[in-house]
Protein backbone atom coordinates (compact mmCIF):
# COMPACT_ATOMS: atom_id res chain seq x y z
CA UNK A 1 -10.65 -6.03 -16.67
CA UNK A 2 -8.76 -6.29 -13.07
CA UNK A 3 -8.61 -3.04 -11.61
CA UNK A 4 -7.26 -1.76 -7.82
CA UNK A 5 -8.98 1.70 -6.62
CA UNK A 6 -7.63 3.39 -3.46
CA UNK A 7 -8.92 5.67 -1.33
CA UNK A 8 -8.63 7.72 2.11
CA UNK A 9 -5.89 9.87 1.30
CA UNK A 10 -5.72 13.35 2.50
CA UNK A 11 -4.16 16.26 4.56
CA UNK A 12 -2.87 15.63 7.61
CA UNK A 13 -0.61 17.44 10.38
CA UNK A 14 2.45 15.57 11.59
CA UNK A 15 1.68 12.72 14.25
CA UNK A 16 -1.57 12.20 13.11
CA UNK A 17 -3.03 8.54 11.96
CA UNK A 18 -4.33 8.04 8.43
CA UNK A 19 -6.03 4.78 6.74
CA UNK A 20 -5.61 3.85 3.00
CA UNK A 21 -8.08 1.40 1.66
CA UNK A 22 -7.43 -0.54 -1.90
CA UNK A 23 -10.62 -2.60 -3.04
CA UNK A 24 -10.04 -4.56 -6.01
CA UNK A 25 -12.21 -6.36 -8.87
CA UNK A 26 -12.17 -9.65 -9.17
CA UNK A 27 -11.90 -12.41 -7.09
CA UNK A 28 -8.44 -13.74 -8.43
CA UNK A 29 -7.03 -10.65 -5.95
CA UNK A 30 -7.68 -13.06 -3.27
CA UNK A 31 -4.79 -15.14 -4.58
CA UNK A 32 -2.09 -12.12 -5.19
CA UNK A 33 0.55 -10.86 -3.02
CA UNK A 34 -0.86 -7.18 -2.65
CA UNK A 35 1.68 -4.27 -1.63
CA UNK A 36 1.79 -0.26 -1.11
CA UNK A 37 4.52 1.90 -2.46
CA UNK A 38 4.81 5.55 -2.74
CA UNK A 39 6.27 8.17 -4.70
CA UNK A 40 7.04 11.67 -3.18
CA UNK A 41 7.90 14.21 -5.43
CA UNK A 42 10.70 14.23 -7.44
CA UNK A 43 11.78 10.58 -6.27
CA UNK A 44 11.45 6.89 -7.41
CA UNK A 45 8.47 5.11 -6.61
CA UNK A 46 9.69 2.72 -3.28
CA UNK A 47 8.25 -0.18 -1.22
CA UNK A 48 6.18 0.40 1.78
CA UNK A 49 4.67 -2.86 2.69
CA UNK A 50 3.33 -6.27 1.12
CA UNK A 51 1.18 -9.07 2.85
CA UNK A 52 0.72 -12.30 1.18
CA UNK A 53 -2.44 -13.74 -0.40
CA UNK A 54 -3.31 -15.16 3.24
CA UNK A 55 -2.52 -12.38 4.90
CA UNK A 56 -0.29 -14.41 7.19
CA UNK A 57 3.17 -12.82 6.53
CA UNK A 58 3.82 -9.49 5.68
CA UNK A 59 6.86 -7.53 4.93
CA UNK A 60 7.75 -3.67 5.47
CA UNK A 61 10.07 -0.96 4.63
CA UNK A 62 12.76 -0.87 6.87
CA UNK A 63 12.49 3.29 7.36
CA UNK A 64 8.86 3.04 8.32
CA UNK A 65 9.63 1.79 12.41
CA UNK A 66 6.60 0.04 12.91
CA UNK A 67 4.26 3.00 12.30
CA UNK A 68 2.66 1.20 9.35
CA UNK A 69 0.23 -1.76 9.07
CA UNK A 70 -0.85 -3.73 6.17
CA UNK A 71 -3.91 -6.03 6.56
CA UNK A 72 -6.29 -7.31 4.01
CA UNK A 73 -9.64 -9.25 4.09
CA UNK A 74 -10.25 -11.54 0.91
CA UNK A 75 -13.94 -11.61 1.55
CA UNK A 76 -14.24 -7.95 0.71
CA UNK A 77 -11.17 -7.78 -2.06
CA UNK A 78 -9.91 -4.99 -0.12
CA UNK A 79 -6.31 -4.54 1.88
CA UNK A 80 -5.60 -1.18 4.09
CA UNK A 81 -2.48 0.75 5.38
CA UNK A 82 -3.06 2.06 8.63
CA UNK A 83 -0.23 4.91 9.09
CA UNK A 84 0.46 6.36 12.52
CA UNK A 85 2.69 8.98 13.59
CA UNK A 86 2.61 10.44 10.28
CA UNK A 87 5.99 12.60 9.38
CA UNK A 88 6.14 15.44 6.63
CA UNK A 89 8.44 12.76 4.91
CA UNK A 90 5.56 10.68 4.41
CA UNK A 91 3.73 12.73 1.71
CA UNK A 92 3.79 11.20 -0.97
CA UNK A 93 1.12 9.48 -3.45
CA UNK A 94 0.62 6.03 -2.07
CA UNK A 95 -0.27 3.26 -4.97
CA UNK A 96 -1.89 -0.22 -3.93
CA UNK A 97 -0.37 -2.97 -6.35
CA UNK A 98 -1.07 -6.85 -6.58
CA UNK A 99 1.93 -9.40 -8.02
CA UNK A 100 0.46 -12.87 -9.65
CA UNK A 101 3.13 -14.61 -9.09
CA UNK A 102 5.94 -13.26 -6.83
CA UNK A 103 5.74 -13.64 -3.02
CA UNK A 104 6.19 -10.87 -0.65
CA UNK A 105 9.90 -10.86 -0.52
CA UNK A 106 10.70 -11.30 -3.90
CA UNK A 107 7.85 -8.60 -5.32
CA UNK A 108 9.26 -5.20 -6.52
CA UNK A 109 8.15 -2.37 -8.67
CA UNK A 110 8.97 -4.65 -11.83
CA UNK A 111 7.00 -7.77 -10.78
CA UNK A 112 3.73 -6.03 -10.04
CA UNK A 113 1.19 -7.02 -12.44
CA UNK A 114 -1.83 -4.56 -11.24
CA UNK A 115 -1.40 -1.10 -10.33
CA UNK A 116 -3.98 1.18 -8.51
CA UNK A 117 -4.31 5.21 -9.86
CA UNK A 118 -2.74 6.39 -6.27
CA UNK A 119 -3.63 8.20 -3.87
CA UNK A 120 -2.36 11.49 -2.31
CA UNK A 121 -0.88 11.86 1.40
CA UNK A 122 -0.06 15.41 2.98
CA UNK A 123 1.23 15.63 6.21
CA UNK A 124 2.27 19.10 6.87
CA UNK A 125 4.76 19.97 9.85
């Protein structure tokens, strides 16, 4: 069964950087659009970033203001989320997800076909 596994979460201070990784099982993931979502305590899951299967195109949530960068390596079946200048409001569980059919412009939490179990990022003030 296809799976996604996130890693790299942890506790950091405001202003620090952190890189999350997501490794997929199954070569098919190299043809899927991939994305990162996050869910803070008491809030709905929200979009963070997405990357096309070819890595040519990316999309980011407007609130990020260029602090995060998404990338992927299909040979390694891995995507990353580089986060810089982290803020306390970035505290959340971060989820990796894959979409078989959507583009990075049409994917949403409702279209994603596969989800990882999440990795917690805690940013202290």
